[in-house]
C-alpha cells in the first residue's frame, strides 16, 4: 500500500494554470481529500505570458484587414473612441462557434448592446457598447487573448 500514489489529474493542473493566466494571479492552491495541488509562477511570468503577448499583435492586424495601416490609424483613435477590455480573458465575437458576429465594421450599435464576449475563468462576460455609434474598426479577432485596458473595438 505504501507504493500506491494518488493519481494526479493533468486536466486539473492545466485548468489551474489557465486560471493563473486569465487572472494574473501568481499562485493558486486547492485541496481535495488527501491531495493538495499548488500551481505557482513565482519569478517567471514572462514565460507564462509569452504566448499571450505574442498572439494579439499578429492576429489583431489581419482582423482589421489593414496590416500596414491599422496600427498607425488606430494609434490616435483608441484613446477616445475605443472600447477597451474590462478584464483579462479570451474574446469571442459571436454568441456561439459559427454564429453571426455580434458586430461588424460599418454597423451601427446602441449603448448597452452586446458587442462581444470575454471569457474569464470559464465565465462568459457580455461586453456592452458604452455608447451609441458606428463600428469603424475591430482591433481583435475571435478567440484572441486580451489584457485589461486593451483596445478592442472603435465606435464613433
C-alpha atoms as a PDB file:
ATOM      1  CA  UNK A   1       0.000   0.000   0.000  1.00  0.00           C
ATOM      2  CA  UNK A   2       2.919   2.348   0.523  1.00  0.00           C
ATOM      3  CA  UNK A   3       3.785   2.216  -3.199  1.00  0.00           C
ATOM      4  CA  UNK A   4       0.346   3.378  -4.325  1.00  0.00           C
ATOM      5  CA  UNK A   5       0.281   7.104  -5.040  1.00  0.00           C
ATOM      6  CA  UNK A   6      -2.836   9.121  -5.776  1.00  0.00           C
ATOM      7  CA  UNK A   7      -3.082   9.835  -9.487  1.00  0.00           C
ATOM      8  CA  UNK A   8      -2.668  13.466 -10.422  1.00  0.00           C
ATOM      9  CA  UNK A   9      -5.321  14.901 -12.695  1.00  0.00           C
ATOM     10  CA  UNK A  10      -3.406  16.590 -15.536  1.00  0.00           C
ATOM     11  CA  UNK A  11      -6.544  18.433 -16.679  1.00  0.00           C
ATOM     12  CA  UNK A  12      -6.930  19.923 -13.212  1.00  0.00           C
ATOM     13  CA  UNK A  13      -3.382  21.259 -13.299  1.00  0.00           C
ATOM     14  CA  UNK A  14      -3.922  22.724 -16.783  1.00  0.00           C
ATOM     15  CA  UNK A  15      -7.150  24.367 -15.595  1.00  0.00           C
ATOM     16  CA  UNK A  16      -5.355  25.872 -12.602  1.00  0.00           C
ATOM     17  CA  UNK A  17      -2.559  27.156 -14.854  1.00  0.00           C
ATOM     18  CA  UNK A  18      -5.176  28.715 -17.161  1.00  0.00           C
ATOM     19  CA  UNK A  19      -6.783  30.429 -14.183  1.00  0.00           C
ATOM     20  CA  UNK A  20      -3.376  31.912 -13.327  1.00  0.00           C
ATOM     21  CA  UNK A  21      -3.049  33.234 -16.877  1.00  0.00           C
ATOM     22  CA  UNK A  22      -6.592  34.581 -17.025  1.00  0.00           C
ATOM     23  CA  UNK A  23      -6.470  36.356 -13.664  1.00  0.00           C
ATOM     24  CA  UNK A  24      -2.808  37.402 -13.404  1.00  0.00           C
ATOM     25  CA  UNK A  25      -2.539  35.581 -10.084  1.00  0.00           C
ATOM     26  CA  UNK A  26       0.919  34.331  -9.160  1.00  0.00           C
ATOM     27  CA  UNK A  27      -0.189  31.292  -7.208  1.00  0.00           C
ATOM     28  CA  UNK A  28      -3.233  29.072  -6.669  1.00  0.00           C
ATOM     29  CA  UNK A  29      -3.697  26.086  -4.372  1.00  0.00           C
ATOM     30  CA  UNK A  30      -6.521  23.585  -3.947  1.00  0.00           C
ATOM     31  CA  UNK A  31      -7.025  20.636  -1.641  1.00  0.00           C
ATOM     32  CA  UNK A  32      -9.265  17.636  -2.277  1.00  0.00           C
ATOM     33  CA  UNK A  33      -9.348  14.762   0.197  1.00  0.00           C
ATOM     34  CA  UNK A  34      -5.676  13.929   0.853  1.00  0.00           C
ATOM     35  CA  UNK A  35      -4.361  15.562  -2.328  1.00  0.00           C
ATOM     36  CA  UNK A  36      -3.073  19.146  -2.345  1.00  0.00           C
ATOM     37  CA  UNK A  37      -2.100  20.865  -5.609  1.00  0.00           C
ATOM     38  CA  UNK A  38      -0.320  24.207  -5.743  1.00  0.00           C
ATOM     39  CA  UNK A  39       0.476  25.937  -9.031  1.00  0.00           C
ATOM     40  CA  UNK A  40       2.778  28.932  -8.948  1.00  0.00           C
ATOM     41  CA  UNK A  41       4.625  31.012 -11.472  1.00  0.00           C
ATOM     42  CA  UNK A  42       6.877  32.669  -8.908  1.00  0.00           C
ATOM     43  CA  UNK A  43       9.513  34.699 -10.688  1.00  0.00           C
ATOM     44  CA  UNK A  44       8.787  33.556 -14.273  1.00  0.00           C
ATOM     45  CA  UNK A  45       5.749  35.474 -15.515  1.00  0.00           C
ATOM     46  CA  UNK A  46       7.453  36.230 -18.850  1.00  0.00           C
ATOM     47  CA  UNK A  47       7.402  32.568 -19.764  1.00  0.00           C
ATOM     48  CA  UNK A  48       3.722  32.239 -18.931  1.00  0.00           C
ATOM     49  CA  UNK A  49       2.748  35.465 -20.697  1.00  0.00           C
ATOM     50  CA  UNK A  50       4.913  34.989 -23.792  1.00  0.00           C
ATOM     51  CA  UNK A  51       2.218  33.250 -25.896  1.00  0.00           C
ATOM     52  CA  UNK A  52      -0.396  35.789 -24.785  1.00  0.00           C
ATOM     53  CA  UNK A  53       1.808  38.782 -25.571  1.00  0.00           C
ATOM     54  CA  UNK A  54       2.811  37.447 -28.986  1.00  0.00           C
ATOM     55  CA  UNK A  55      -0.639  36.305 -30.130  1.00  0.00           C
ATOM     56  CA  UNK A  56      -2.656  39.554 -30.090  1.00  0.00           C
ATOM     57  CA  UNK A  57      -0.377  41.691 -32.286  1.00  0.00           C
ATOM     58  CA  UNK A  58      -0.271  39.416 -35.359  1.00  0.00           C
ATOM     59  CA  UNK A  59      -3.930  38.383 -35.007  1.00  0.00           C
ATOM     60  CA  UNK A  60      -5.236  41.914 -34.433  1.00  0.00           C
ATOM     61  CA  UNK A  61      -3.744  43.300 -37.629  1.00  0.00           C
ATOM     62  CA  UNK A  62      -5.349  40.763 -40.013  1.00  0.00           C
ATOM     63  CA  UNK A  63      -8.680  41.189 -38.195  1.00  0.00           C
ATOM     64  CA  UNK A  64      -8.567  44.866 -39.146  1.00  0.00           C
ATOM     65  CA  UNK A  65      -7.710  43.795 -42.719  1.00  0.00           C
ATOM     66  CA  UNK A  66      -5.116  46.564 -42.948  1.00  0.00           C
ATOM     67  CA  UNK A  67      -1.800  45.149 -41.730  1.00  0.00           C
ATOM     68  CA  UNK A  68       0.342  48.147 -42.695  1.00  0.00           C
ATOM     69  CA  UNK A  69      -2.070  50.970 -41.880  1.00  0.00           C
ATOM     70  CA  UNK A  70      -4.075  49.656 -38.901  1.00  0.00           C
ATOM     71  CA  UNK A  71      -1.524  50.369 -36.139  1.00  0.00           C
ATOM     72  CA  UNK A  72      -0.856  53.946 -37.292  1.00  0.00           C
ATOM     73  CA  UNK A  73      -4.541  54.717 -37.807  1.00  0.00           C
ATOM     74  CA  UNK A  74      -5.529  53.050 -34.536  1.00  0.00           C
ATOM     75  CA  UNK A  75      -2.861  54.843 -32.516  1.00  0.00           C
ATOM     76  CA  UNK A  76      -4.914  58.033 -32.188  1.00  0.00           C
ATOM     77  CA  UNK A  77      -8.446  56.554 -32.206  1.00  0.00           C
ATOM     78  CA  UNK A  78      -8.311  54.069 -29.311  1.00  0.00           C
ATOM     79  CA  UNK A  79      -7.700  56.721 -26.646  1.00  0.00           C
ATOM     80  CA  UNK A  80     -11.031  58.454 -27.263  1.00  0.00           C
ATOM     81  CA  UNK A  81     -13.239  56.051 -29.205  1.00  0.00           C
ATOM     82  CA  UNK A  82     -12.040  52.518 -28.467  1.00  0.00           C
ATOM     83  CA  UNK A  83     -13.897  50.099 -26.263  1.00  0.00           C
ATOM     84  CA  UNK A  84     -11.226  48.617 -24.001  1.00  0.00           C
ATOM     85  CA  UNK A  85     -11.150  45.240 -22.294  1.00  0.00           C
ATOM     86  CA  UNK A  86     -12.521  45.482 -18.762  1.00  0.00           C
ATOM     87  CA  UNK A  87     -10.725  42.249 -17.813  1.00  0.00           C
ATOM     88  CA  UNK A  88      -8.139  39.714 -18.909  1.00  0.00           C
ATOM     89  CA  UNK A  89      -9.583  36.884 -20.958  1.00  0.00           C
ATOM     90  CA  UNK A  90     -10.394  35.465 -24.375  1.00  0.00           C
ATOM     91  CA  UNK A  91     -12.525  37.437 -26.831  1.00  0.00           C
ATOM     92  CA  UNK A  92     -15.387  35.823 -28.707  1.00  0.00           C
ATOM     93  CA  UNK A  93     -17.001  37.845 -31.469  1.00  0.00           C
ATOM     94  CA  UNK A  94     -20.196  35.741 -31.699  1.00  0.00           C
ATOM     95  CA  UNK A  95     -22.536  34.064 -29.203  1.00  0.00           C
ATOM     96  CA  UNK A  96     -21.563  30.564 -30.417  1.00  0.00           C
ATOM     97  CA  UNK A  97     -18.996  28.997 -32.755  1.00  0.00           C
ATOM     98  CA  UNK A  98     -20.089  29.520 -36.348  1.00  0.00           C
ATOM     99  CA  UNK A  99     -22.795  32.037 -35.389  1.00  0.00           C
ATOM    100  CA  UNK A 100     -23.067  35.532 -36.853  1.00  0.00           C
ATOM    101  CA  UNK A 101     -20.779  38.033 -35.059  1.00  0.00           C
ATOM    102  CA  UNK A 102     -22.332  40.479 -32.596  1.00  0.00           C
ATOM    103  CA  UNK A 103     -20.994  43.432 -34.627  1.00  0.00           C
ATOM    104  CA  UNK A 104     -19.256  44.124 -37.927  1.00  0.00           C
ATOM    105  CA  UNK A 105     -17.362  47.125 -39.273  1.00  0.00           C
ATOM    106  CA  UNK A 106     -19.826  49.720 -40.565  1.00  0.00           C
ATOM    107  CA  UNK A 107     -22.664  48.540 -38.333  1.00  0.00           C
ATOM    108  CA  UNK A 108     -24.473  50.974 -36.029  1.00  0.00           C
ATOM    109  CA  UNK A 109     -24.728  49.967 -32.369  1.00  0.00           C
ATOM    110  CA  UNK A 110     -26.777  51.279 -29.486  1.00  0.00           C
ATOM    111  CA  UNK A 111     -25.489  51.935 -25.989  1.00  0.00           C
ATOM    112  CA  UNK A 112     -25.789  48.739 -23.937  1.00  0.00           C
ATOM    113  CA  UNK A 113     -25.893  46.418 -26.964  1.00  0.00           C
ATOM    114  CA  UNK A 114     -23.623  43.369 -26.617  1.00  0.00           C
ATOM    115  CA  UNK A 115     -20.636  43.831 -28.934  1.00  0.00           C
ATOM    116  CA  UNK A 116     -18.546  40.807 -27.891  1.00  0.00           C
ATOM    117  CA  UNK A 117     -17.940  38.296 -25.104  1.00  0.00           C
ATOM    118  CA  UNK A 118     -14.849  37.924 -22.934  1.00  0.00           C
ATOM    119  CA  UNK A 119     -14.348  34.552 -21.321  1.00  0.00           C
ATOM    120  CA  UNK A 120     -12.560  34.809 -17.989  1.00  0.00           C
ATOM    121  CA  UNK A 121     -12.241  31.879 -15.602  1.00  0.00           C
ATOM    122  CA  UNK A 122     -14.744  29.863 -17.673  1.00  0.00           C
ATOM    123  CA  UNK A 123     -17.349  32.599 -17.301  1.00  0.00           C
ATOM    124  CA  UNK A 124     -18.751  34.274 -20.400  1.00  0.00           C
ATOM    125  CA  UNK A 125     -18.969  38.044 -19.818  1.00  0.00           C
ATOM    126  CA  UNK A 126     -21.064  40.025 -22.299  1.00  0.00           C
ATOM    127  CA  UNK A 127     -19.396  43.344 -23.080  1.00  0.00           C
ATOM    128  CA  UNK A 128     -21.877  46.128 -23.905  1.00  0.00           C
ATOM    129  CA  UNK A 129     -21.288  49.126 -26.148  1.00  0.00           C
ATOM    130  CA  UNK A 130     -20.510  52.071 -23.849  1.00  0.00           C
ATOM    131  CA  UNK A 131     -22.187  54.469 -26.268  1.00  0.00           C
ATOM    132  CA  UNK A 132     -24.229  54.506 -29.455  1.00  0.00           C
ATOM    133  CA  UNK A 133     -22.396  54.945 -32.726  1.00  0.00           C
ATOM    134  CA  UNK A 134     -20.896  53.238 -35.739  1.00  0.00           C
ATOM    135  CA  UNK A 135     -18.298  50.447 -35.541  1.00  0.00           C
ATOM    136  CA  UNK A 136     -15.365  51.786 -37.554  1.00  0.00           C
ATOM    137  CA  UNK A 137     -12.693  49.265 -36.595  1.00  0.00           C
ATOM    138  CA  UNK A 138     -12.393  45.885 -34.897  1.00  0.00           C
ATOM    139  CA  UNK A 139      -8.937  45.524 -33.352  1.00  0.00           C
ATOM    140  CA  UNK A 140      -9.206  41.940 -32.062  1.00  0.00           C
ATOM    141  CA  UNK A 141     -10.048  38.634 -33.655  1.00  0.00           C
ATOM    142  CA  UNK A 142     -12.232  35.785 -32.495  1.00  0.00           C
ATOM    143  CA  UNK A 143     -10.585  33.711 -29.732  1.00  0.00           C
ATOM    144  CA  UNK A 144      -7.793  36.283 -29.249  1.00  0.00           C
ATOM    145  CA  UNK A 145      -6.492  36.783 -25.717  1.00  0.00           C
ATOM    146  CA  UNK A 146      -6.866  40.326 -24.349  1.00  0.00           C
ATOM    147  CA  UNK A 147      -5.300  42.179 -21.452  1.00  0.00           C
ATOM    148  CA  UNK A 148      -7.043  44.648 -19.163  1.00  0.00           C
ATOM    149  CA  UNK A 149      -7.381  48.024 -20.910  1.00  0.00           C
ATOM    150  CA  UNK A 150      -6.507  46.700 -24.373  1.00  0.00           C
ATOM    151  CA  UNK A 151      -8.444  48.444 -27.177  1.00  0.00           C
ATOM    152  CA  UNK A 152     -10.860  46.023 -28.888  1.00  0.00           C
ATOM    153  CA  UNK A 153     -13.411  47.923 -30.994  1.00  0.00           C
ATOM    154  CA  UNK A 154     -13.550  51.540 -32.154  1.00  0.00           C
ATOM    155  CA  UNK A 155     -17.023  53.132 -32.068  1.00  0.00           C
ATOM    156  CA  UNK A 156     -17.527  56.662 -33.407  1.00  0.00           C
END
